[in-house]
Protein backbone atom coordinates (compact mmCIF):
# COMPACT_ATOMS: atom_id res chain seq x y z
CA UNK A 1 98.10 71.73 93.58
CA UNK A 2 95.92 73.24 96.27
CA UNK A 3 96.27 76.80 97.50
CA UNK A 4 96.45 77.75 101.14
CA UNK A 5 93.22 79.71 100.85
CA UNK A 6 94.95 82.91 101.91
CA UNK A 7 95.51 85.69 99.43
CA UNK A 8 99.11 86.81 99.33
CA UNK A 9 99.84 90.52 99.33
CA UNK A 10 102.94 92.09 97.86
CA UNK A 11 104.24 95.54 98.71
CA UNK A 12 105.04 98.22 96.13
CA UNK A 13 108.80 97.57 96.34
CA UNK A 14 108.35 93.87 95.51
CA UNK A 15 106.09 94.67 92.55
CA UNK A 16 108.43 97.38 91.26
CA UNK A 17 111.42 95.03 91.47
CA UNK A 18 109.54 92.31 89.59
CA UNK A 19 108.72 94.81 86.84
CA UNK A 20 112.32 96.06 86.77
CA UNK A 21 113.60 92.51 86.28
CA UNK A 22 111.36 92.17 83.22
CA UNK A 23 111.96 95.60 81.72
CA UNK A 24 115.64 96.09 82.50
CA UNK A 25 116.92 92.75 83.76
CA UNK A 26 116.74 90.83 80.50
CA UNK A 27 114.35 88.22 81.87
CA UNK A 28 110.95 87.20 80.56
CA UNK A 29 107.77 87.55 82.61
CA UNK A 30 107.64 83.77 82.93
CA UNK A 31 111.20 83.58 84.24
CA UNK A 32 110.61 86.30 86.81
CA UNK A 33 107.30 84.75 87.84
CA UNK A 34 108.93 81.37 88.41
CA UNK A 35 111.80 82.90 90.41
CA UNK A 36 109.45 84.92 92.59
CA UNK A 37 106.74 82.30 92.91
CA UNK A 38 103.94 84.38 91.40
CA UNK A 39 101.76 83.98 88.33
CA UNK A 40 103.08 85.48 85.07
CA UNK A 41 99.72 87.21 84.55
CA UNK A 42 100.26 89.08 87.79
CA UNK A 43 103.67 90.30 86.58
CA UNK A 44 102.02 91.49 83.34
CA UNK A 45 99.39 93.35 85.38
CA UNK A 46 102.05 95.05 87.52
CA UNK A 47 104.01 96.01 84.41
CA UNK A 48 100.90 97.60 82.88
CA UNK A 49 100.18 99.51 86.10
CA UNK A 50 103.74 100.86 86.18
CA UNK A 51 103.50 101.97 82.54
CA UNK A 52 100.22 103.76 83.23
CA UNK A 53 101.19 105.47 86.49
CA UNK A 54 104.97 105.86 86.29
CA UNK A 55 106.03 105.38 89.91
CA UNK A 56 105.54 102.43 92.28
CA UNK A 57 103.80 104.70 94.80
CA UNK A 58 101.20 105.78 92.25
CA UNK A 59 100.92 102.39 90.53
CA UNK A 60 100.57 100.41 93.77
CA UNK A 61 98.95 102.63 96.42
CA UNK A 62 98.69 101.29 99.95
CA UNK A 63 95.14 100.35 100.90
CA UNK A 64 93.68 102.37 103.77
CA UNK A 65 93.03 99.28 105.90
CA UNK A 66 96.72 98.32 105.83
CA UNK A 67 98.07 101.77 106.70
CA UNK A 68 99.26 102.71 110.15
CA UNK A 69 98.12 103.95 112.53
CA UNK A 70 95.47 101.29 112.62
CA UNK A 71 91.77 102.09 112.64
CA UNK A 72 91.50 101.67 116.38
CA UNK A 73 94.15 104.36 116.94
CA UNK A 74 92.36 106.59 114.44
CA UNK A 75 89.07 106.18 116.27
CA UNK A 76 90.61 107.12 119.62
CA UNK A 77 92.33 110.18 118.13
CA UNK A 78 89.13 111.24 116.35
CA UNK A 79 87.08 110.99 119.55
CA UNK A 80 89.68 113.04 121.44
CA UNK A 81 89.67 115.66 118.70
CA UNK A 82 85.87 115.91 118.72
CA UNK A 83 85.76 116.00 122.52
CA UNK A 84 88.35 118.79 122.78
CA UNK A 85 86.62 120.81 120.04
CA UNK A 86 83.38 120.89 122.04
CA UNK A 87 85.01 122.77 124.95
């Protein structure tokens, strides 16, 4: 089976729900992985992160490059801020 070559990304809510299904839903990691179409090792990793950090927001922080506003907007706002501070 060949992969598409693209790395799939899952948001914090998806990861937290997968962990919840394992910890409180009465399903095994393998069952949840099959249902969601992810590797069981990934579910185990998410479960460990949740145990270490407690909340989905702390366990699965959003990467800066995926946050909005995008970097282009940030650059424009930064230049405006610097420009207005010089006058």
